[in-house]
Amino acid sequence: MTPFRVADRHLLLFGIRAIGVLAFAVVMACTQTSGTVRGVVTSVEGSLEEVAAFSLLVEGEELRFVSVAGGDYAFALPHLREHRLNGDPVLVGWEMVDNVRYALSLADG
């Protein structure tokens, strides 16, 4: 058995790096950009009459959502404060744009 030549070692290292870059690209491509989640309200941002954003605890991760005008909401957004107090879950249909999750729909969960 002959030892690796220097050129072979460089080729092997290049191949390993290329696989790493490819794996990273695949993971980034699989990042979810929309969906529906069920979670417990942990915070509500805005005035008593208007809600600009809210956060949910979903499978141990806190996710922040920004409300949208004309969203398909089953109830007025200030009702989220009641959900925060009593711990009742909500369902949120969302879409991510420029690393911001927008709440497109909202219902009791």
PDB file of N, CA and C in Angstrom:
ATOM      1  N   MET A   1       0.850  -1.177   0.000  1.00  0.00           N
ATOM      2  CA  MET A   1       0.000   0.000   0.000  1.00  0.00           C
ATOM      3  C   MET A   1       0.890   1.233   0.000  1.00  0.00           C
ATOM      4  N   THR A   2       0.625   2.168  -0.883  1.00  0.00           N
ATOM      5  CA  THR A   2       1.470   3.350  -0.975  1.00  0.00           C
ATOM      6  C   THR A   2       0.843   4.501  -0.205  1.00  0.00           C
ATOM      7  N   PRO A   3       1.649   5.341   0.406  1.00  0.00           N
ATOM      8  CA  PRO A   3       1.100   6.486   1.142  1.00  0.00           C
ATOM      9  C   PRO A   3       0.504   7.497   0.166  1.00  0.00           C
ATOM     10  N   PHE A   4      -0.430   8.315   0.697  1.00  0.00           N
ATOM     11  CA  PHE A   4      -1.036   9.375  -0.111  1.00  0.00           C
ATOM     12  C   PHE A   4       0.032  10.356  -0.559  1.00  0.00           C
ATOM     13  N   ARG A   5      -0.083  10.765  -1.787  1.00  0.00           N
ATOM     14  CA  ARG A   5       0.773  11.844  -2.245  1.00  0.00           C
ATOM     15  C   ARG A   5       0.188  13.162  -1.750  1.00  0.00           C
ATOM     16  N   VAL A   6       0.976  14.215  -1.713  1.00  0.00           N
ATOM     17  CA  VAL A   6       0.522  15.524  -1.258  1.00  0.00           C
ATOM     18  C   VAL A   6      -0.678  15.989  -2.081  1.00  0.00           C
ATOM     19  N   ALA A   7      -0.641  15.790  -3.380  1.00  0.00           N
ATOM     20  CA  ALA A   7      -1.744  16.195  -4.255  1.00  0.00           C
ATOM     21  C   ALA A   7      -3.017  15.438  -3.896  1.00  0.00           C
ATOM     22  N   ASP A   8      -2.874  14.152  -3.560  1.00  0.00           N
ATOM     23  CA  ASP A   8      -4.038  13.354  -3.173  1.00  0.00           C
ATOM     24  C   ASP A   8      -4.649  13.882  -1.880  1.00  0.00           C
ATOM     25  N   ARG A   9      -3.810  14.275  -0.937  1.00  0.00           N
ATOM     26  CA  ARG A   9      -4.295  14.812   0.344  1.00  0.00           C
ATOM     27  C   ARG A   9      -5.059  16.113   0.117  1.00  0.00           C
ATOM     28  N   HIS A  10      -4.532  16.974  -0.752  1.00  0.00           N
ATOM     29  CA  HIS A  10      -5.221  18.238  -1.039  1.00  0.00           C
ATOM     30  C   HIS A  10      -6.566  17.980  -1.710  1.00  0.00           C
ATOM     31  N   LEU A  11      -6.600  17.009  -2.594  1.00  0.00           N
ATOM     32  CA  LEU A  11      -7.847  16.656  -3.259  1.00  0.00           C
ATOM     33  C   LEU A  11      -8.858  16.114  -2.250  1.00  0.00           C
ATOM     34  N   LEU A  12      -8.393  15.299  -1.320  1.00  0.00           N
ATOM     35  CA  LEU A  12      -9.266  14.751  -0.283  1.00  0.00           C
ATOM     36  C   LEU A  12      -9.814  15.868   0.590  1.00  0.00           C
ATOM     37  N   LEU A  13      -8.976  16.803   1.029  1.00  0.00           N
ATOM     38  CA  LEU A  13      -9.430  17.932   1.848  1.00  0.00           C
ATOM     39  C   LEU A  13     -10.425  18.797   1.081  1.00  0.00           C
ATOM     40  N   PHE A  14     -10.159  19.029  -0.204  1.00  0.00           N
ATOM     41  CA  PHE A  14     -11.089  19.794  -1.030  1.00  0.00           C
ATOM     42  C   PHE A  14     -12.445  19.097  -1.080  1.00  0.00           C
ATOM     43  N   GLY A  15     -12.435  17.788  -1.258  1.00  0.00           N
ATOM     44  CA  GLY A  15     -13.677  17.019  -1.313  1.00  0.00           C
ATOM     45  C   GLY A  15     -14.463  17.097  -0.013  1.00  0.00           C
ATOM     46  N   ILE A  16     -13.756  17.004   1.103  1.00  0.00           N
ATOM     47  CA  ILE A  16     -14.423  17.092   2.408  1.00  0.00           C
ATOM     48  C   ILE A  16     -15.047  18.471   2.589  1.00  0.00           C
ATOM     49  N   ARG A  17     -14.312  19.512   2.228  1.00  0.00           N
ATOM     50  CA  ARG A  17     -14.853  20.878   2.332  1.00  0.00           C
ATOM     51  C   ARG A  17     -16.063  21.056   1.424  1.00  0.00           C
ATOM     52  N   ALA A  18     -15.985  20.528   0.229  1.00  0.00           N
ATOM     53  CA  ALA A  18     -17.095  20.653  -0.719  1.00  0.00           C
ATOM     54  C   ALA A  18     -18.346  19.966  -0.181  1.00  0.00           C
ATOM     55  N   ILE A  19     -18.179  18.819   0.435  1.00  0.00           N
ATOM     56  CA  ILE A  19     -19.319  18.106   1.031  1.00  0.00           C
ATOM     57  C   ILE A  19     -19.908  18.934   2.161  1.00  0.00           C
ATOM     58  N   GLY A  20     -19.064  19.546   2.972  1.00  0.00           N
ATOM     59  CA  GLY A  20     -19.548  20.393   4.067  1.00  0.00           C
ATOM     60  C   GLY A  20     -20.349  21.574   3.556  1.00  0.00           C
ATOM     61  N   VAL A  21     -19.857  22.230   2.526  1.00  0.00           N
ATOM     62  CA  VAL A  21     -20.571  23.370   1.940  1.00  0.00           C
ATOM     63  C   VAL A  21     -21.900  22.910   1.349  1.00  0.00           C
ATOM     64  N   LEU A  22     -21.900  21.789   0.670  1.00  0.00           N
ATOM     65  CA  LEU A  22     -23.124  21.251   0.087  1.00  0.00           C
ATOM     66  C   LEU A  22     -24.139  20.911   1.179  1.00  0.00           C
ATOM     67  N   ALA A  23     -23.690  20.288   2.259  1.00  0.00           N
ATOM     68  CA  ALA A  23     -24.588  19.946   3.368  1.00  0.00           C
ATOM     69  C   ALA A  23     -25.198  21.209   3.973  1.00  0.00           C
ATOM     70  N   PHE A  24     -24.401  22.248   4.142  1.00  0.00           N
ATOM     71  CA  PHE A  24     -24.904  23.514   4.673  1.00  0.00           C
ATOM     72  C   PHE A  24     -25.961  24.099   3.739  1.00  0.00           C
ATOM     73  N   ALA A  25     -25.709  24.062   2.447  1.00  0.00           N
ATOM     74  CA  ALA A  25     -26.659  24.600   1.468  1.00  0.00           C
ATOM     75  C   ALA A  25     -27.980  23.832   1.508  1.00  0.00           C
ATOM     76  N   VAL A  26     -27.914  22.528   1.672  1.00  0.00           N
ATOM     77  CA  VAL A  26     -29.131  21.709   1.742  1.00  0.00           C
ATOM     78  C   VAL A  26     -29.935  22.069   2.986  1.00  0.00           C
ATOM     79  N   VAL A  27     -29.269  22.231   4.116  1.00  0.00           N
ATOM     80  CA  VAL A  27     -29.966  22.597   5.354  1.00  0.00           C
ATOM     81  C   VAL A  27     -30.628  23.953   5.196  1.00  0.00           C
ATOM     82  N   MET A  28     -29.926  24.914   4.622  1.00  0.00           N
ATOM     83  CA  MET A  28     -30.498  26.246   4.440  1.00  0.00           C
ATOM     84  C   MET A  28     -31.678  26.209   3.475  1.00  0.00           C
ATOM     85  N   ALA A  29     -31.614  25.394   2.461  1.00  0.00           N
ATOM     86  CA  ALA A  29     -32.701  25.291   1.495  1.00  0.00           C
ATOM     87  C   ALA A  29     -33.934  24.656   2.118  1.00  0.00           C
ATOM     88  N   CYS A  30     -33.742  23.842   3.145  1.00  0.00           N
ATOM     89  CA  CYS A  30     -34.854  23.157   3.795  1.00  0.00           C
ATOM     90  C   CYS A  30     -35.475  23.974   4.926  1.00  0.00           C
ATOM     91  N   THR A  31     -34.946  25.159   5.206  1.00  0.00           N
ATOM     92  CA  THR A  31     -35.504  25.997   6.251  1.00  0.00           C
ATOM     93  C   THR A  31     -36.924  26.364   5.860  1.00  0.00           C
ATOM     94  N   GLN A  32     -37.846  26.137   6.770  1.00  0.00           N
ATOM     95  CA  GLN A  32     -39.255  26.352   6.487  1.00  0.00           C
ATOM     96  C   GLN A  32     -39.558  27.841   6.381  1.00  0.00           C
ATOM     97  N   THR A  33     -40.292  28.237   5.347  1.00  0.00           N
ATOM     98  CA  THR A  33     -40.631  29.638   5.144  1.00  0.00           C
ATOM     99  C   THR A  33     -42.117  29.925   5.319  1.00  0.00           C
ATOM    100  N   SER A  34     -42.906  28.886   5.596  1.00  0.00           N
ATOM    101  CA  SER A  34     -44.324  29.076   5.890  1.00  0.00           C
ATOM    102  C   SER A  34     -44.847  27.814   6.555  1.00  0.00           C
ATOM    103  N   GLY A  35     -46.016  27.945   7.167  1.00  0.00           N
ATOM    104  CA  GLY A  35     -46.609  26.783   7.806  1.00  0.00           C
ATOM    105  C   GLY A  35     -47.667  27.174   8.805  1.00  0.00           C
ATOM    106  N   THR A  36     -48.054  26.213   9.630  1.00  0.00           N
ATOM    107  CA  THR A  36     -49.022  26.420  10.701  1.00  0.00           C
ATOM    108  C   THR A  36     -48.441  25.832  11.971  1.00  0.00           C
ATOM    109  N   VAL A  37     -48.537  26.589  13.061  1.00  0.00           N
ATOM    110  CA  VAL A  37     -48.046  26.102  14.346  1.00  0.00           C
ATOM    111  C   VAL A  37     -49.131  26.253  15.405  1.00  0.00           C
ATOM    112  N   ARG A  38     -49.012  25.440  16.420  1.00  0.00           N
ATOM    113  CA  ARG A  38     -49.899  25.502  17.585  1.00  0.00           C
ATOM    114  C   ARG A  38     -49.022  25.777  18.786  1.00  0.00           C
ATOM    115  N   GLY A  39     -49.366  26.800  19.562  1.00  0.00           N
ATOM    116  CA  GLY A  39     -48.554  27.120  20.717  1.00  0.00           C
ATOM    117  C   GLY A  39     -49.293  27.963  21.727  1.00  0.00           C
ATOM    118  N   VAL A  40     -48.586  28.233  22.820  1.00  0.00           N
ATOM    119  CA  VAL A  40     -49.123  29.019  23.924  1.00  0.00           C
ATOM    120  C   VAL A  40     -48.561  30.431  23.822  1.00  0.00           C
ATOM    121  N   VAL A  41     -49.435  31.420  23.969  1.00  0.00           N
ATOM    122  CA  VAL A  41     -49.022  32.823  23.867  1.00  0.00           C
ATOM    123  C   VAL A  41     -48.149  33.177  25.062  1.00  0.00           C
ATOM    124  N   THR A  42     -46.956  33.719  24.785  1.00  0.00           N
ATOM    125  CA  THR A  42     -46.037  34.113  25.858  1.00  0.00           C
ATOM    126  C   THR A  42     -45.915  35.621  25.991  1.00  0.00           C
ATOM    127  N   SER A  43     -46.186  36.357  24.912  1.00  0.00           N
ATOM    128  CA  SER A  43     -46.151  37.826  25.008  1.00  0.00           C
ATOM    129  C   SER A  43     -47.002  38.429  23.903  1.00  0.00           C
ATOM    130  N   VAL A  44     -47.487  39.647  24.188  1.00  0.00           N
ATOM    131  CA  VAL A  44     -48.291  40.401  23.240  1.00  0.00           C
ATOM    132  C   VAL A  44     -47.736  41.824  23.219  1.00  0.00           C
ATOM    133  N   GLU A  45     -47.402  42.320  22.030  1.00  0.00           N
ATOM    134  CA  GLU A  45     -46.835  43.666  21.882  1.00  0.00           C
ATOM    135  C   GLU A  45     -47.870  44.595  21.257  1.00  0.00           C
ATOM    136  N   GLY A  46     -47.995  45.783  21.826  1.00  0.00           N
ATOM    137  CA  GLY A  46     -48.912  46.776  21.272  1.00  0.00           C
ATOM    138  C   GLY A  46     -49.781  47.377  22.352  1.00  0.00           C
ATOM    139  N   SER A  47     -50.730  48.195  21.919  1.00  0.00           N
ATOM    140  CA  SER A  47     -51.641  48.857  22.855  1.00  0.00           C
ATOM    141  C   SER A  47     -52.767  47.903  23.258  1.00  0.00           C
ATOM    142  N   LEU A  48     -53.656  48.388  24.110  1.00  0.00           N
ATOM    143  CA  LEU A  48     -54.790  47.552  24.520  1.00  0.00           C
ATOM    144  C   LEU A  48     -55.740  47.263  23.356  1.00  0.00           C
ATOM    145  N   GLU A  49     -55.814  48.195  22.398  1.00  0.00           N
ATOM    146  CA  GLU A  49     -56.740  48.030  21.273  1.00  0.00           C
ATOM    147  C   GLU A  49     -56.088  47.390  20.051  1.00  0.00           C
ATOM    148  N   GLU A  50     -54.768  47.500  19.921  1.00  0.00           N
ATOM    149  CA  GLU A  50     -54.086  46.982  18.740  1.00  0.00           C
ATOM    150  C   GLU A  50     -52.909  46.101  19.143  1.00  0.00           C
ATOM    151  N   VAL A  51     -52.670  45.069  18.359  1.00  0.00           N
ATOM    152  CA  VAL A  51     -51.544  44.161  18.599  1.00  0.00           C
ATOM    153  C   VAL A  51     -50.629  44.223  17.389  1.00  0.00           C
ATOM    154  N   ALA A  52     -49.384  44.634  17.612  1.00  0.00           N
ATOM    155  CA  ALA A  52     -48.410  44.719  16.526  1.00  0.00           C
ATOM    156  C   ALA A  52     -47.726  43.374  16.304  1.00  0.00           C
ATOM    157  N   ALA A  53     -47.468  42.646  17.410  1.00  0.00           N
ATOM    158  CA  ALA A  53     -46.774  41.363  17.321  1.00  0.00           C
ATOM    159  C   ALA A  53     -47.085  40.552  18.568  1.00  0.00           C
ATOM    160  N   PHE A  54     -46.816  39.261  18.486  1.00  0.00           N
ATOM    161  CA  PHE A  54     -47.001  38.373  19.632  1.00  0.00           C
ATOM    162  C   PHE A  54     -46.034  37.205  19.504  1.00  0.00           C
ATOM    163  N   SER A  55     -45.809  36.530  20.615  1.00  0.00           N
ATOM    164  CA  SER A  55     -44.903  35.373  20.624  1.00  0.00           C
ATOM    165  C   SER A  55     -45.622  34.157  21.158  1.00  0.00           C
ATOM    166  N   LEU A  56     -45.242  33.003  20.628  1.00  0.00           N
ATOM    167  CA  LEU A  56     -45.785  31.716  21.073  1.00  0.00           C
ATOM    168  C   LEU A  56     -44.649  30.807  21.493  1.00  0.00           C
ATOM    169  N   LEU A  57     -44.929  29.958  22.455  1.00  0.00           N
ATOM    170  CA  LEU A  57     -44.015  28.885  22.813  1.00  0.00           C
ATOM    171  C   LEU A  57     -44.477  27.655  22.031  1.00  0.00           C
ATOM    172  N   VAL A  58     -43.615  27.211  21.103  1.00  0.00           N
ATOM    173  CA  VAL A  58     -43.936  26.087  20.213  1.00  0.00           C
ATOM    174  C   VAL A  58     -42.837  25.050  20.360  1.00  0.00           C
ATOM    175  N   GLU A  59     -43.182  23.897  20.923  1.00  0.00           N
ATOM    176  CA  GLU A  59     -42.230  22.791  21.088  1.00  0.00           C
ATOM    177  C   GLU A  59     -40.922  23.266  21.720  1.00  0.00           C
ATOM    178  N   GLY A  60     -41.039  24.057  22.779  1.00  0.00           N
ATOM    179  CA  GLY A  60     -39.872  24.510  23.522  1.00  0.00           C
ATOM    180  C   GLY A  60     -39.141  25.694  22.922  1.00  0.00           C
ATOM    181  N   GLU A  61     -39.615  26.224  21.805  1.00  0.00           N
ATOM    182  CA  GLU A  61     -38.971  27.366  21.147  1.00  0.00           C
ATOM    183  C   GLU A  61     -39.953  28.532  21.091  1.00  0.00           C
ATOM    184  N   GLU A  62     -39.478  29.722  21.439  1.00  0.00           N
ATOM    185  CA  GLU A  62     -40.333  30.908  21.369  1.00  0.00           C
ATOM    186  C   GLU A  62     -40.230  31.518  19.970  1.00  0.00           C
ATOM    187  N   LEU A  63     -41.390  31.666  19.333  1.00  0.00           N
ATOM    188  CA  LEU A  63     -41.461  32.223  17.984  1.00  0.00           C
ATOM    189  C   LEU A  63     -42.245  33.524  18.024  1.00  0.00           C
ATOM    190  N   ARG A  64     -41.728  34.557  17.354  1.00  0.00           N
ATOM    191  CA  ARG A  64     -42.383  35.859  17.302  1.00  0.00           C
ATOM    192  C   ARG A  64     -43.084  36.022  15.953  1.00  0.00           C
ATOM    193  N   PHE A  65     -44.311  36.550  15.996  1.00  0.00           N
ATOM    194  CA  PHE A  65     -45.121  36.771  14.807  1.00  0.00           C
ATOM    195  C   PHE A  65     -45.562  38.224  14.753  1.00  0.00           C
ATOM    196  N   VAL A  66     -45.539  38.797  13.570  1.00  0.00           N
ATOM    197  CA  VAL A  66     -46.018  40.154  13.337  1.00  0.00           C
ATOM    198  C   VAL A  66     -47.395  40.045  12.705  1.00  0.00           C
ATOM    199  N   SER A  67     -48.347  40.820  13.237  1.00  0.00           N
ATOM    200  CA  SER A  67     -49.700  40.785  12.680  1.00  0.00           C
ATOM    201  C   SER A  67     -49.740  41.548  11.359  1.00  0.00           C
ATOM    202  N   VAL A  68     -50.714  41.202  10.519  1.00  0.00           N
ATOM    203  CA  VAL A  68     -50.863  41.852   9.215  1.00  0.00           C
ATOM    204  C   VAL A  68     -52.280  42.399   9.082  1.00  0.00           C
ATOM    205  N   ALA A  69     -52.399  43.514   8.405  1.00  0.00           N
ATOM    206  CA  ALA A  69     -53.723  44.070   8.125  1.00  0.00           C
ATOM    207  C   ALA A  69     -54.452  43.110   7.188  1.00  0.00           C
ATOM    208  N   GLY A  70     -55.696  42.840   7.491  1.00  0.00           N
ATOM    209  CA  GLY A  70     -56.481  41.949   6.641  1.00  0.00           C
ATOM    210  C   GLY A  70     -56.201  40.476   6.847  1.00  0.00           C
ATOM    211  N   GLY A  71     -55.517  40.124   7.958  1.00  0.00           N
ATOM    212  CA  GLY A  71     -55.248  38.720   8.240  1.00  0.00           C
ATOM    213  C   GLY A  71     -56.532  37.949   8.499  1.00  0.00           C
ATOM    214  N   ASP A  72     -56.490  36.661   8.283  1.00  0.00           N
ATOM    215  CA  ASP A  72     -57.652  35.787   8.504  1.00  0.00           C
ATOM    216  C   ASP A  72     -57.671  35.371   9.974  1.00  0.00           C
ATOM    217  N   TYR A  73     -58.116  36.289  10.829  1.00  0.00           N
ATOM    218  CA  TYR A  73     -58.089  36.069  12.272  1.00  0.00           C
ATOM    219  C   TYR A  73     -59.491  35.735  12.769  1.00  0.00           C
ATOM    220  N   ALA A  74     -59.611  34.629  13.506  1.00  0.00           N
ATOM    221  CA  ALA A  74     -60.902  34.170  14.009  1.00  0.00           C
ATOM    222  C   ALA A  74     -61.415  35.022  15.164  1.00  0.00           C
ATOM    223  N   PHE A  75     -60.568  35.876  15.705  1.00  0.00           N
ATOM    224  CA  PHE A  75     -60.970  36.761  16.799  1.00  0.00           C
ATOM    225  C   PHE A  75     -60.118  38.021  16.744  1.00  0.00           C
ATOM    226  N   ALA A  76     -60.565  39.049  17.463  1.00  0.00           N
ATOM    227  CA  ALA A  76     -59.804  40.293  17.522  1.00  0.00           C
ATOM    228  C   ALA A  76     -58.463  40.033  18.209  1.00  0.00           C
ATOM    229  N   LEU A  77     -57.400  40.602  17.685  1.00  0.00           N
ATOM    230  CA  LEU A  77     -56.057  40.339  18.205  1.00  0.00           C
ATOM    231  C   LEU A  77     -55.883  40.642  19.698  1.00  0.00           C
ATOM    232  N   PRO A  78     -56.526  41.660  20.265  1.00  0.00           N
ATOM    233  CA  PRO A  78     -56.364  41.873  21.710  1.00  0.00           C
ATOM    234  C   PRO A  78     -56.802  40.672  22.560  1.00  0.00           C
ATOM    235  N   HIS A  79     -57.616  39.784  21.990  1.00  0.00           N
ATOM    236  CA  HIS A  79     -58.026  38.554  22.698  1.00  0.00           C
ATOM    237  C   HIS A  79     -56.820  37.662  23.005  1.00  0.00           C
ATOM    238  N   LEU A  80     -55.711  37.885  22.316  1.00  0.00           N
ATOM    239  CA  LEU A  80     -54.492  37.109  22.604  1.00  0.00           C
ATOM    240  C   LEU A  80     -54.035  37.295  24.049  1.00  0.00           C
ATOM    241  N   ARG A  81     -54.332  38.452  24.636  1.00  0.00           N
ATOM    242  CA  ARG A  81     -53.948  38.689  26.038  1.00  0.00           C
ATOM    243  C   ARG A  81     -54.661  37.718  26.972  1.00  0.00           C
ATOM    244  N   GLU A  82     -55.918  37.402  26.651  1.00  0.00           N
ATOM    245  CA  GLU A  82     -56.662  36.422  27.448  1.00  0.00           C
ATOM    246  C   GLU A  82     -56.013  35.040  27.307  1.00  0.00           C
ATOM    247  N   HIS A  83     -55.627  34.683  26.098  1.00  0.00           N
ATOM    248  CA  HIS A  83     -54.934  33.404  25.876  1.00  0.00           C
ATOM    249  C   HIS A  83     -53.627  33.368  26.666  1.00  0.00           C
ATOM    250  N   ARG A  84     -52.926  34.486  26.728  1.00  0.00           N
ATOM    251  CA  ARG A  84     -51.670  34.550  27.480  1.00  0.00           C
ATOM    252  C   ARG A  84     -51.923  34.301  28.958  1.00  0.00           C
ATOM    253  N   LEU A  85     -53.032  34.844  29.469  1.00  0.00           N
ATOM    254  CA  LEU A  85     -53.338  34.685  30.894  1.00  0.00           C
ATOM    255  C   LEU A  85     -53.819  33.278  31.251  1.00  0.00           C
ATOM    256  N   ASN A  86     -54.646  32.673  30.387  1.00  0.00           N
ATOM    257  CA  ASN A  86     -55.215  31.365  30.748  1.00  0.00           C
ATOM    258  C   ASN A  86     -54.453  30.178  30.148  1.00  0.00           C
ATOM    259  N   GLY A  87     -53.494  30.435  29.249  1.00  0.00           N
ATOM    260  CA  GLY A  87     -52.671  29.352  28.702  1.00  0.00           C
ATOM    261  C   GLY A  87     -53.308  28.537  27.604  1.00  0.00           C
ATOM    262  N   ASP A  88     -54.478  28.975  27.114  1.00  0.00           N
ATOM    263  CA  ASP A  88     -55.108  28.256  26.013  1.00  0.00           C
ATOM    264  C   ASP A  88     -54.290  28.456  24.737  1.00  0.00           C
ATOM    265  N   PRO A  89     -54.014  27.381  23.990  1.00  0.00           N
ATOM    266  CA  PRO A  89     -53.188  27.505  22.777  1.00  0.00           C
ATOM    267  C   PRO A  89     -53.939  28.160  21.627  1.00  0.00           C
ATOM    268  N   VAL A  90     -53.172  28.631  20.658  1.00  0.00           N
ATOM    269  CA  VAL A  90     -53.715  29.184  19.420  1.00  0.00           C
ATOM    270  C   VAL A  90     -53.019  28.521  18.237  1.00  0.00           C
ATOM    271  N   LEU A  91     -53.679  28.581  17.085  1.00  0.00           N
ATOM    272  CA  LEU A  91     -53.112  28.101  15.829  1.00  0.00           C
ATOM    273  C   LEU A  91     -52.776  29.319  14.973  1.00  0.00           C
ATOM    274  N   VAL A  92     -51.576  29.348  14.448  1.00  0.00           N
ATOM    275  CA  VAL A  92     -51.138  30.471  13.619  1.00  0.00           C
ATOM    276  C   VAL A  92     -50.647  29.947  12.275  1.00  0.00           C
ATOM    277  N   GLY A  93     -51.240  30.451  11.207  1.00  0.00           N
ATOM    278  CA  GLY A  93     -50.730  30.219   9.863  1.00  0.00           C
ATOM    279  C   GLY A  93     -49.785  31.368   9.564  1.00  0.00           C
ATOM    280  N   TRP A  94     -48.591  31.058   9.108  1.00  0.00           N
ATOM    281  CA  TRP A  94     -47.578  32.108   8.976  1.00  0.00           C
ATOM    282  C   TRP A  94     -46.765  31.960   7.702  1.00  0.00           C
ATOM    283  N   GLU A  95     -46.075  33.061   7.394  1.00  0.00           N
ATOM    284  CA  GLU A  95     -45.135  33.083   6.271  1.00  0.00           C
ATOM    285  C   GLU A  95     -43.948  33.947   6.689  1.00  0.00           C
ATOM    286  N   MET A  96     -42.733  33.495   6.349  1.00  0.00           N
ATOM    287  CA  MET A  96     -41.542  34.256   6.690  1.00  0.00           C
ATOM    288  C   MET A  96     -41.052  35.024   5.464  1.00  0.00           C
ATOM    289  N   VAL A  97     -40.826  36.325   5.668  1.00  0.00           N
ATOM    290  CA  VAL A  97     -40.292  37.194   4.625  1.00  0.00           C
ATOM    291  C   VAL A  97     -39.175  38.018   5.260  1.00  0.00           C
ATOM    292  N   ASP A  98     -37.982  37.938   4.708  1.00  0.00           N
ATOM    293  CA  ASP A  98     -36.816  38.672   5.235  1.00  0.00           C
ATOM    294  C   ASP A  98     -36.620  38.426   6.731  1.00  0.00           C
ATOM    295  N   ASN A  99     -36.701  37.159   7.129  1.00  0.00           N
ATOM    296  CA  ASN A  99     -36.481  36.728   8.521  1.00  0.00           C
ATOM    297  C   ASN A  99     -37.519  37.254   9.505  1.00  0.00           C
ATOM    298  N   VAL A 100     -38.685  37.652   9.022  1.00  0.00           N
ATOM    299  CA  VAL A 100     -39.788  38.080   9.877  1.00  0.00           C
ATOM    300  C   VAL A 100     -40.957  37.138   9.630  1.00  0.00           C
ATOM    301  N   ARG A 101     -41.523  36.573  10.706  1.00  0.00           N
ATOM    302  CA  ARG A 101     -42.693  35.696  10.583  1.00  0.00           C
ATOM    303  C   ARG A 101     -43.953  36.555  10.652  1.00  0.00           C
ATOM    304  N   TYR A 102     -44.761  36.489   9.598  1.00  0.00           N
ATOM    305  CA  TYR A 102     -46.021  37.221   9.558  1.00  0.00           C
ATOM    306  C   TYR A 102     -47.165  36.260   9.833  1.00  0.00           C
ATOM    307  N   ALA A 103     -48.051  36.638  10.756  1.00  0.00           N
ATOM    308  CA  ALA A 103     -49.218  35.826  11.104  1.00  0.00           C
ATOM    309  C   ALA A 103     -50.314  36.098  10.069  1.00  0.00           C
ATOM    310  N   LEU A 104     -50.558  35.137   9.186  1.00  0.00           N
ATOM    311  CA  LEU A 104     -51.568  35.294   8.137  1.00  0.00           C
ATOM    312  C   LEU A 104     -52.938  34.854   8.607  1.00  0.00           C
ATOM    313  N   SER A 105     -52.976  33.885   9.519  1.00  0.00           N
ATOM    314  CA  SER A 105     -54.254  33.411  10.072  1.00  0.00           C
ATOM    315  C   SER A 105     -54.046  33.082  11.546  1.00  0.00           C
ATOM    316  N   LEU A 106     -55.149  33.126  12.266  1.00  0.00           N
ATOM    317  CA  LEU A 106     -55.092  32.907  13.710  1.00  0.00           C
ATOM    318  C   LEU A 106     -56.434  32.344  14.176  1.00  0.00           C
ATOM    319  N   ALA A 107     -56.375  31.303  15.012  1.00  0.00           N
ATOM    320  CA  ALA A 107     -57.602  30.689  15.526  1.00  0.00           C
ATOM    321  C   ALA A 107     -57.314  30.081  16.894  1.00  0.00           C
ATOM    322  N   ASP A 108     -58.387  29.831  17.639  1.00  0.00           N
ATOM    323  CA  ASP A 108     -58.241  29.089  18.898  1.00  0.00           C
ATOM    324  C   ASP A 108     -57.678  27.722  18.581  1.00  0.00           C
ATOM    325  N   GLY A 109     -56.799  27.258  19.445  1.00  0.00           N
ATOM    326  CA  GLY A 109     -56.149  25.987  19.154  1.00  0.00           C
ATOM    327  C   GLY A 109     -56.495  24.890  20.071  1.00  0.00           C
TER     328      GLY A 109
END
